Protein backbone atom coordinates (compact mmCIF):
# COMPACT_ATOMS: atom_id res chain seq x y z
CA MET A 1 82.82 -44.52 -14.15
CA THR A 2 79.66 -45.46 -12.52
CA HIS A 3 77.11 -43.09 -10.93
CA SER A 4 75.34 -43.62 -7.68
CA PRO A 5 71.56 -43.77 -8.03
CA ALA A 6 71.23 -41.19 -5.30
CA ALA A 7 73.28 -38.76 -7.29
CA LYS A 8 71.36 -39.30 -10.51
CA PRO A 9 69.06 -36.34 -11.23
CA GLY A 10 65.37 -37.09 -11.58
CA ARG A 11 62.07 -35.33 -12.23
CA GLY A 12 61.19 -35.17 -8.56
CA SER A 13 64.41 -33.57 -7.47
CA GLY A 14 64.18 -30.99 -10.28
CA ALA A 15 60.67 -29.91 -9.26
CA ALA A 16 61.77 -29.55 -5.67
CA ALA A 17 64.67 -27.40 -6.74
CA THR A 18 62.36 -25.20 -8.81
CA THR A 19 59.94 -24.79 -5.90
CA ALA A 20 62.77 -23.97 -3.53
CA ALA A 21 64.10 -21.40 -5.95
CA ALA A 22 60.68 -19.79 -6.35
CA THR A 23 60.20 -19.66 -2.61
CA THR A 24 63.59 -18.08 -2.16
CA SER A 25 62.84 -15.60 -4.94
CA GLY A 26 59.47 -14.73 -3.43
CA ALA A 27 60.98 -14.25 0.02
CA ALA A 28 63.68 -12.07 -1.47
CA ALA A 29 61.07 -10.01 -3.31
CA THR A 30 59.03 -9.61 -0.13
CA THR A 31 62.12 -8.57 1.78
CA ALA A 32 63.08 -6.13 -0.95
CA ASP A 33 59.54 -4.70 -0.99
CA ALA A 34 59.48 -4.24 2.78
CA THR A 35 62.93 -2.72 2.78
CA LEU A 36 62.05 -0.28 0.03
CA ARG A 37 58.81 0.70 1.77
CA ARG A 38 60.67 1.38 5.03
CA THR A 39 63.29 3.40 3.21
CA ILE A 40 60.70 5.54 1.40
CA ALA A 41 58.60 6.05 4.53
CA ALA A 42 61.60 7.07 6.61
CA SER A 43 62.78 9.50 3.94
CA LEU A 44 59.40 11.18 3.55
CA LEU A 45 58.79 11.32 7.29
CA GLY A 46 62.04 13.25 7.56
CA ASP A 47 60.47 16.05 5.53
CA LEU A 48 56.87 15.69 6.74
CA ALA A 49 56.22 19.44 7.13
CA ARG A 50 57.07 20.15 3.49
CA LEU A 51 54.97 17.18 2.35
CA THR A 52 52.04 18.49 4.43
CA ASP A 53 52.38 21.98 2.94
CA ARG A 54 52.28 20.50 -0.55
CA ALA A 55 49.17 18.40 0.20
CA VAL A 56 47.36 21.33 1.82
CA ASP A 57 48.12 23.65 -1.09
CA ASP A 58 46.89 21.05 -3.59
CA ILE A 59 43.64 20.41 -1.68
CA ARG A 60 42.88 24.13 -1.37
CA ALA A 61 43.67 24.68 -5.04
CA HIS A 62 41.09 22.08 -6.07
CA SER A 63 38.32 22.72 -3.50
CA GLY A 64 36.39 25.93 -3.02
CA THR A 65 35.18 24.70 0.37
CA TYR A 66 38.67 24.25 1.74
CA ALA A 67 40.02 27.35 -0.04
CA SER A 68 37.40 29.55 1.63
CA GLY A 69 38.79 28.80 5.08
CA THR A 70 35.25 28.31 6.41
CA PRO A 71 34.44 26.16 8.29
CA VAL A 72 37.84 24.45 7.84
CA THR A 73 40.70 26.87 8.45
CA ARG A 74 44.08 26.33 6.83
CA GLU A 75 45.54 25.54 10.24
CA ASP A 76 42.87 22.91 10.86
CA LEU A 77 43.46 21.38 7.42
CA TRP A 78 47.26 21.41 7.89
CA GLU A 79 47.02 19.71 11.27
CA ILE A 80 44.71 16.94 10.10
CA CYS A 81 46.69 16.42 6.85
CA ARG A 82 49.93 16.08 8.82
CA ASP A 83 48.36 13.50 11.16
CA ASN A 84 46.97 11.50 8.23
CA LEU A 85 50.26 11.57 6.31
CA LEU A 86 52.17 10.58 9.44
CA ARG A 87 49.94 7.57 10.13
CA ALA A 88 49.79 6.54 6.46
CA LEU A 89 53.59 6.60 6.08
CA GLN A 90 54.14 4.73 9.33
CA ASP A 91 51.57 2.11 8.30
CA PHE A 92 52.95 1.89 4.75
CA GLY A 93 56.53 1.54 5.96
CA GLY A 94 55.76 -1.07 8.58
CA LEU A 95 56.81 1.31 11.35
CA ALA A 96 55.29 1.48 14.81
CA PRO A 97 52.47 4.00 15.18
CA THR A 98 53.12 7.12 17.23
CA GLY A 99 50.84 7.16 20.26
CA VAL A 100 47.61 5.71 18.87
CA ASP A 101 46.52 3.25 16.20
CA PHE A 102 47.11 3.94 12.52
CA GLU A 103 43.50 4.81 11.59
CA HIS A 104 42.98 7.29 14.43
CA ALA A 105 43.71 10.31 12.22
CA ALA A 106 41.29 9.05 9.56
CA ARG A 107 38.51 8.60 12.11
CA GLU A 108 39.25 12.00 13.62
CA THR A 109 39.01 13.57 10.16
CA GLY A 110 35.60 11.98 9.57
CA ARG A 111 34.31 13.03 12.98
CA ARG A 112 35.56 16.61 12.73
CA ARG A 113 34.33 17.23 9.19
CA ALA A 114 30.89 15.78 9.99
CA GLU A 115 30.59 18.17 12.94
CA GLN A 116 31.60 21.03 10.61
CA ASN A 117 28.93 19.94 8.08
CA VAL A 118 31.48 19.56 5.29
CA PRO A 119 29.90 17.23 2.68
CA LEU A 120 31.34 13.73 2.72
CA ASP A 121 32.04 13.87 -1.04
CA THR A 122 34.17 16.97 -0.47
CA VAL A 123 36.15 15.24 2.28
CA LEU A 124 36.70 12.14 0.12
CA ARG A 125 37.94 14.28 -2.77
CA ALA A 126 40.40 15.95 -0.39
CA TYR A 127 41.56 12.51 0.69
CA ARG A 128 42.17 11.55 -2.91
CA ARG A 129 44.08 14.78 -3.55
CA GLY A 130 46.26 14.11 -0.52
CA GLY A 131 46.88 10.55 -1.69
CA ARG A 132 47.80 11.83 -5.16
CA VAL A 133 50.35 14.26 -3.71
CA LEU A 134 51.82 11.49 -1.55
CA TRP A 135 52.21 9.26 -4.59
CA GLN A 136 53.78 12.09 -6.64
CA VAL A 137 56.38 12.71 -3.94
CA MET A 138 56.99 8.99 -3.59
CA ALA A 139 57.43 8.60 -7.36
CA GLU A 140 59.91 11.45 -7.36
CA HIS A 141 61.82 9.67 -4.62
CA LEU A 142 61.83 6.39 -6.55
CA ARG A 143 63.05 7.98 -9.77
CA ALA A 144 65.91 9.67 -7.95
CA ARG A 145 66.88 6.56 -6.00
CA PRO A 146 70.57 5.54 -6.56
CA GLY A 147 71.19 2.19 -8.28
CA ARG A 148 67.69 2.02 -9.75
CA ASP A 149 67.49 -0.54 -12.60
CA THR A 150 64.97 -2.61 -14.50
CA ASP A 151 64.98 -5.39 -11.93
CA THR A 152 63.46 -3.12 -9.30
CA ARG A 153 60.47 -1.95 -11.39
CA ASP A 154 58.22 -4.81 -10.21
CA THR A 155 59.05 -3.98 -6.63
CA GLU A 156 58.18 -0.35 -7.24
CA LEU A 157 54.82 -1.37 -8.71
CA ASP A 158 54.12 -3.48 -5.63
CA VAL A 159 55.00 -0.49 -3.49
CA ALA A 160 52.58 1.70 -5.43
CA GLY A 161 49.80 -0.84 -4.97
CA ALA A 162 50.49 -1.00 -1.25
CA LEU A 163 50.30 2.78 -1.00
CA TRP A 164 46.88 2.99 -2.65
CA GLU A 165 45.58 0.11 -0.54
CA THR A 166 46.63 2.08 2.54
CA ILE A 167 44.91 5.24 1.27
CA ASP A 168 41.74 3.32 0.40
CA ARG A 169 41.63 1.71 3.83
CA TYR A 170 42.02 5.08 5.52
CA SER A 171 39.33 6.58 3.28
CA VAL A 172 36.90 3.87 4.36
CA ALA A 173 37.76 4.44 8.03
CA MET A 174 37.25 8.18 7.59
CA ALA A 175 33.90 7.75 5.82
CA ASP A 176 32.65 5.29 8.45
CA ALA A 177 33.56 7.71 11.23
CA TYR A 178 31.90 10.56 9.31
CA ARG A 179 28.62 8.65 8.95
CA LEU A 180 28.65 7.48 12.57
CA THR A 181 29.20 11.05 13.75
CA GLN A 182 26.36 12.24 11.54
CA LEU A 183 24.04 9.68 13.11
CA GLU A 184 25.11 10.72 16.61
CA MET A 185 24.64 14.39 15.76
CA GLN A 186 21.23 13.69 14.27
CA SER A 187 20.24 11.78 17.40
CA ARG A 188 21.34 14.66 19.62
CA GLN A 189 19.59 17.15 17.37
CA ASP A 190 16.38 15.11 17.40
CA THR A 191 16.52 14.81 21.19
CA ARG A 192 17.01 18.57 21.53
CA ARG A 193 14.23 19.29 19.03
CA VAL A 194 11.79 17.05 20.91
CA ALA A 195 12.73 18.56 24.26
CA LEU A 196 12.17 22.11 22.99
CA PHE A 197 8.90 21.09 21.30
CA GLU A 198 7.70 19.70 24.64
CA ALA A 199 8.77 22.96 26.29
CA LEU A 200 6.57 24.87 23.84
CA LEU A 201 3.57 22.67 24.57
CA ASP A 202 4.17 22.86 28.31
CA GLY A 203 3.96 26.65 28.14
CA ARG A 204 7.62 27.26 28.99
CA ALA A 205 8.22 29.39 25.90
CA ASP A 206 7.28 32.52 27.84
CA ASP A 207 11.02 32.56 28.46
CA PRO A 208 12.42 34.30 25.34
CA ALA A 209 15.52 32.08 25.41
CA VAL A 210 13.37 28.93 25.28
CA ALA A 211 11.25 30.33 22.45
CA ALA A 212 14.33 31.33 20.45
CA ALA A 213 15.95 27.93 20.96
CA ALA A 214 12.76 26.14 19.91
CA SER A 215 12.49 28.32 16.83
CA ALA A 216 16.06 27.48 15.82
CA ALA A 217 15.71 23.75 16.58
CA LEU A 218 12.44 23.40 14.65
CA GLY A 219 13.62 25.63 11.82
CA VAL A 220 10.61 27.97 11.84
CA PRO A 221 10.21 31.68 12.70
CA LEU A 222 9.30 32.90 16.17
CA SER A 223 6.34 34.72 14.63
CA ASP A 224 4.16 33.33 11.86
CA ARG A 225 0.79 31.63 11.38
CA TYR A 226 0.49 28.51 13.54
CA VAL A 227 -2.08 26.12 14.94
CA VAL A 228 -1.76 23.17 17.29
CA VAL A 229 -3.46 19.92 16.30
CA VAL A 230 -4.20 17.07 18.70
CA ALA A 231 -5.02 13.80 16.92
CA ALA A 232 -6.29 10.57 18.40
CA GLN A 233 -4.06 7.54 17.90
CA ASN A 234 -6.06 5.34 15.56
CA PRO A 235 -4.53 1.97 14.53
CA ALA A 236 -6.42 2.18 11.23
CA ALA A 237 -4.99 5.62 10.38
CA PRO A 238 -1.43 6.84 9.76
CA PRO A 239 0.57 7.45 12.97
CA HIS A 240 0.32 11.19 12.43
CA PRO A 241 -0.67 13.50 9.57
CA ALA A 242 2.83 14.85 8.78
CA PRO A 243 3.29 13.03 5.42
CA VAL A 244 -0.11 14.18 4.13
CA LEU A 245 0.51 17.77 5.19
CA GLU A 246 4.05 17.80 3.84
CA ALA A 247 2.79 16.63 0.45
CA ARG A 248 0.62 19.75 0.39
CA GLY A 249 3.49 22.04 1.39
CA LEU A 250 2.51 22.38 5.06
CA TRP A 251 5.31 22.23 7.64
CA SER A 252 4.47 20.38 10.84
CA PHE A 253 6.18 18.70 13.77
CA TRP A 254 4.53 15.90 15.77
CA ARG A 255 5.16 13.86 18.87
CA PRO A 256 3.12 11.25 20.78
CA ARG A 257 1.74 12.78 23.94
CA ALA A 258 -0.55 11.16 26.54
CA GLY A 259 -1.95 8.57 24.15
CA ARG A 260 -2.43 11.07 21.34
CA TYR A 261 -0.36 12.91 18.75
CA ALA A 262 0.24 16.63 19.25
CA GLY A 263 1.59 18.73 16.43
CA ILE A 264 2.37 22.31 15.51
CA VAL A 265 1.41 23.22 11.95
CA ARG A 266 2.68 26.28 10.11
CA LEU A 267 -0.07 27.71 7.94
CA PRO A 268 0.57 29.20 4.51
CA ARG A 269 -0.68 32.61 3.49
CA GLY A 270 -4.35 32.85 2.61
CA ALA A 271 -7.52 33.36 4.58
CA ASP A 272 -8.72 29.82 3.86
CA ALA A 273 -5.57 28.11 5.22
CA PRO A 274 -7.16 26.88 8.49
CA ARG A 275 -10.14 25.45 6.60
CA THR A 276 -7.83 23.79 4.07
CA LEU A 277 -5.95 22.14 6.93
CA ILE A 278 -9.14 20.80 8.48
CA ASP A 279 -10.31 19.45 5.12
CA LEU A 280 -6.98 17.65 4.66
CA LEU A 281 -7.19 16.13 8.13
CA ARG A 282 -10.77 15.06 7.61
CA ARG A 283 -10.54 13.66 4.09
CA GLN A 284 -7.03 12.26 3.78
CA THR A 285 -5.76 11.14 7.18
CA GLY A 286 -8.71 9.30 8.68
CA THR A 287 -7.74 10.58 12.11
CA THR A 288 -9.99 12.27 14.65
CA ALA A 289 -8.41 15.64 15.41
CA GLY A 290 -9.01 18.89 17.22
CA VAL A 291 -7.48 22.11 15.87
CA SER A 292 -6.68 25.15 17.99
CA PRO A 293 -7.40 28.72 16.97
CA GLU A 294 -4.65 30.32 14.91
CA PHE A 295 -1.85 32.04 16.84
CA ASP A 296 1.11 34.11 15.68
CA ARG A 297 3.88 33.42 18.24
CA LEU A 298 5.46 30.10 19.15
CA ALA A 299 5.26 31.13 22.79
CA GLN A 300 1.46 30.73 22.59
CA ALA A 301 1.65 27.03 21.71
CA GLY A 302 0.94 25.87 25.28
CA ARG A 303 -2.44 27.62 25.42
CA ALA A 304 -3.24 26.45 21.90
CA LEU A 305 -2.56 22.85 22.94
CA ARG A 306 -5.18 23.05 25.69
CA LEU A 307 -7.77 24.43 23.27
CA ALA A 308 -7.02 21.73 20.69
CA GLU A 309 -7.38 19.04 23.37
CA GLN A 310 -10.73 20.48 24.44
CA THR A 311 -11.87 20.40 20.81
CA LEU A 312 -10.85 16.75 20.40
CA ARG A 313 -12.81 15.77 23.51
CA THR A 314 -16.02 16.97 21.84
CA LEU A 315 -15.60 14.64 18.82
CA PRO A 316 -16.92 11.07 18.74
CA VAL A 317 -14.20 8.48 19.25
CA GLY A 318 -13.00 6.94 16.01
CA SER A 319 -15.19 9.21 13.88
CA GLY A 320 -12.34 10.43 11.66
CA GLU A 321 -13.77 13.91 12.16
CA ALA A 322 -11.57 17.01 12.37
CA ALA A 323 -12.85 20.28 13.78
CA ALA A 324 -11.60 23.72 14.76
CA PHE A 325 -12.04 25.03 18.26
CA ASP A 326 -14.09 27.98 17.04
CA ASP A 327 -16.54 25.60 15.34
CA ARG A 328 -17.09 23.64 18.56
CA LEU A 329 -17.43 26.42 21.13
CA THR A 330 -20.77 25.23 22.45
CA GLU A 331 -19.60 21.63 22.69
CA VAL A 332 -16.41 22.72 24.43
CA LEU A 333 -18.42 24.64 27.01
CA LEU A 334 -20.76 21.73 27.59
CA SER A 335 -18.17 18.97 27.55
CA GLY A 336 -16.65 20.14 30.81
CA ARG A 337 -20.02 20.30 32.57
CA GLY A 338 -21.91 17.07 32.16
CA ASP A 339 -24.52 18.16 34.69
CA ILE A 340 -25.34 21.28 32.69
CA ALA A 341 -25.49 19.30 29.45
CA ASP A 342 -27.91 16.88 31.10
CA ARG A 343 -30.09 19.72 32.28
CA ILE A 344 -30.17 21.51 28.91
CA VAL A 345 -31.28 18.30 27.20
CA ALA A 346 -33.89 17.54 29.88
CA VAL A 347 -35.40 21.04 29.83
CA HIS A 348 -35.53 21.56 26.07
CA LEU A 349 -35.93 18.03 24.62
CA GLY A 350 -36.82 15.74 27.52
CA PRO A 351 -40.38 15.00 26.37
CA VAL A 352 -39.18 14.31 22.80
CA LEU A 353 -36.63 11.79 24.05
CA ALA A 354 -39.34 10.10 26.08
CA THR A 355 -41.20 9.14 22.92
CA THR A 356 -40.34 5.87 21.22
CA GLY A 357 -41.50 5.54 17.62
CA GLU A 358 -41.40 9.28 16.92
CA ARG A 359 -38.07 10.11 18.53
CA ALA A 360 -35.64 9.49 15.67
CA ALA A 361 -37.77 11.22 13.03
CA LEU A 362 -38.49 14.23 15.26
CA LEU A 363 -34.83 14.78 16.20
CA GLU A 364 -33.64 14.40 12.61
CA THR A 365 -36.25 16.84 11.34
CA LEU A 366 -35.44 19.35 14.07
CA ARG A 367 -31.72 19.28 13.20
CA VAL A 368 -32.29 19.77 9.49
CA TRP A 369 -34.95 22.46 10.05
CA LEU A 370 -32.63 24.48 12.28
CA ASP A 371 -29.72 24.00 9.88
CA CYS A 372 -31.89 25.32 7.01
CA GLY A 373 -32.71 28.54 8.83
CA CYS A 374 -36.05 27.18 10.03
CA SER A 375 -37.29 26.92 6.42
CA ALA A 376 -39.74 24.05 6.06
CA ALA A 377 -39.39 24.04 2.27
CA ARG A 378 -35.60 23.67 2.28
CA ALA A 379 -35.71 21.13 5.08
CA ALA A 380 -38.22 19.07 3.11
CA GLU A 381 -35.86 18.98 0.13
CA ARG A 382 -33.03 17.65 2.27
CA LEU A 383 -35.26 15.14 4.05
CA TYR A 384 -36.99 13.99 0.83
CA CYS A 385 -40.44 14.56 2.29
CA HIS A 386 -43.34 17.01 1.91
CA ARG A 387 -43.14 20.48 3.41
CA ASN A 388 -46.22 19.76 5.51
CA THR A 389 -44.49 16.73 7.01
CA VAL A 390 -41.74 19.02 8.30
CA LEU A 391 -44.26 21.51 9.69
CA ASN A 392 -46.25 18.73 11.39
CA ARG A 393 -43.13 17.32 13.08
CA ILE A 394 -42.00 20.76 14.29
CA SER A 395 -45.49 21.36 15.65
CA ARG A 396 -45.34 18.00 17.42
CA ILE A 397 -42.02 18.95 19.06
CA ALA A 398 -43.49 22.29 20.15
CA GLU A 399 -46.50 20.48 21.58
CA LEU A 400 -44.36 17.94 23.50
CA THR A 401 -42.03 20.58 24.94
CA GLY A 402 -44.69 23.21 25.56
CA ARG A 403 -42.75 25.82 23.60
CA SER A 404 -43.46 27.98 20.57
CA SER A 405 -41.47 27.16 17.43
CA GLU A 406 -41.67 30.86 16.48
CA SER A 407 -39.68 31.94 19.53
CA GLY A 408 -36.00 32.71 19.08
CA GLU A 409 -35.38 31.62 22.66
CA THR A 410 -37.04 28.27 21.95
CA ARG A 411 -34.98 27.70 18.81
CA LEU A 412 -31.77 28.53 20.71
CA GLY A 413 -32.74 26.07 23.46
CA TRP A 414 -33.46 23.33 20.94
CA ALA A 415 -30.12 23.95 19.14
CA LEU A 416 -28.19 23.83 22.43
CA ALA A 417 -29.97 20.65 23.47
CA LEU A 418 -29.10 18.96 20.18
CA ARG A 419 -25.43 19.84 20.69
CA ALA A 420 -25.52 18.72 24.31
CA LEU A 421 -27.24 15.43 23.50
CA PRO A 422 -24.04 13.43 22.69
CA LEU A 423 -22.55 14.68 25.97
CA ALA A 424 -25.57 14.02 28.17
CA GLU A 425 -26.41 10.87 30.09
CA LEU A 426 -30.13 10.89 29.49
CA GLY A 427 -30.12 8.19 26.88
CA GLU A 428 -28.31 7.34 23.69
CA GLU A 429 -28.71 9.66 20.75
CA PRO A 430 -30.13 8.02 17.59
CA GLU A 431 -27.41 7.18 15.09
CA ARG A 432 -26.79 9.95 12.56
CA THR A 433 -25.95 9.48 8.90
CA ALA A 434 -23.03 11.24 7.23
CA GLY A 435 -25.47 13.75 5.77
CA ASP A 436 -26.86 14.59 9.19
CA ARG A 437 -23.47 15.43 10.65
CA GLY A 438 -23.24 18.77 8.90
CA ALA A 439 -26.78 19.67 9.93
CA PHE A 440 -25.99 18.95 13.54
CA GLN A 441 -22.89 21.07 13.50
CA GLY A 442 -24.69 23.95 11.90
CA ALA A 443 -27.68 23.82 14.26
C-alpha cells in the first residue's frame, strides 16, 4: 500500500493543527467566560434589593461617617449603592446599560460626596466594602452553581479578575468626579469670598445680611480686632504680605484693587498688635503700605479702606515704608491740599529753602533738633557734631525766617513745614538718610 504525499503528516501540518486547536480552545474559554458572567449578573440583578441591603449594612458597620447618618443618610447611601451595583453588574455581564452610561453612578457618587464634604478616603473605603460584598455574593453563587467541576475553576478566576477590574475602573471614575467637583466648589467658594470681600470694602456691609455672609465666607467673626492694609504693587516685593503674616499667626485676606493690594488683617490680642503688624510689613515684606486705624466690626471695613488709602498716599513711592493712619495725621491732612502744603512751607521755611550751600545742613539739623525735644546736646550726639554747631544752625534758621526758636508756635510751624515739604511744589527736598526718616516722622 502506498501513501499519497499529500496525506503524509508533516511538521507544518502538525503545528497548524495545534494552533487551530489552541484558537478553538481560547474561543471556547472566552465564550464560557462571557456566558458565565452573563449568568451571574442576571442572577444577582434579580435580587438587587437584597444585595443592596447587604452592601449598605456592611458599609455602615465599618464606617462611623456612614453609620452616623450625617451628612449621608441611609436612604441616600442605599440609593447610590443600588445604582452602582446595577451599573457594575450590567457592565460585568456584558448587558446593555439602563438609561445612561455605565460609569454615571460612579461619577454621581463622587460629585454628591464631594458636595457633602465626605473625605475621599472614606468614600473609597466604602467602594471597596461594596466591592467586597459583591464578590462574596458572587462567590456564593459560584459555589452553589450546578455542575461545577475542576475544569471551570480557571473560568471562575477569570470572572473574579474581571469583577475587580470593573470595581477599580468605577473607583477611578468616582474619584475623578469627586476631585473635579471639589475644584468647582472651591472655584465657586473663592468667587463668593472675593465678591463679599469687595462688598465689605465698598461699604455695603451696613446691611447685616451682607456682613454675616462675608463673615461666614471669610471664616472670621463679625466682631473682633481688624485693620485694613493697602499695599503698593511692587515688582521687587511679594505680591501681597499674606505669607509673611500667616507665618506669624496673623489671618489676612487680600485682593488686587485699583493697581494696589487691599487686605483685611485680623489682629491678635495684645496692645502692641498694630505696631507688630507695621514692623512686619516694614521689615519683612518690602512693600509700601498704609494701615487703617483698628476697628472692631467687619461692617466698618469700607471706611477703614479709605483711611488706609489716604495713609499710603503720604508715603514715598517705592520706599518700602509702612505706616499707620494715626502716625500720619498731619501728612494725611496736607496731602489732600497741595496749596495749603505749599503755603505752610513758604511761610515757615521759605527763606531756608532759598539758601544753597546751607540748605541741606539746616534742614537736617532742624529735623533732628525737633525730634530730640529741642535739646541741642542730644541733637549733637545724633548728628555727630558739637552742641554749639546745633545752636548756631538753629539761630541761623530763626534769623532767616524772622522767628524765635523759643516760641512754641514757631516750633509747631517748623514741624508742620518739614512734614509738608515732600508734598509741596516749592522745590525738591534734600535726600534723607535712613536715620533721618525717624526724625522726620517724629518732628
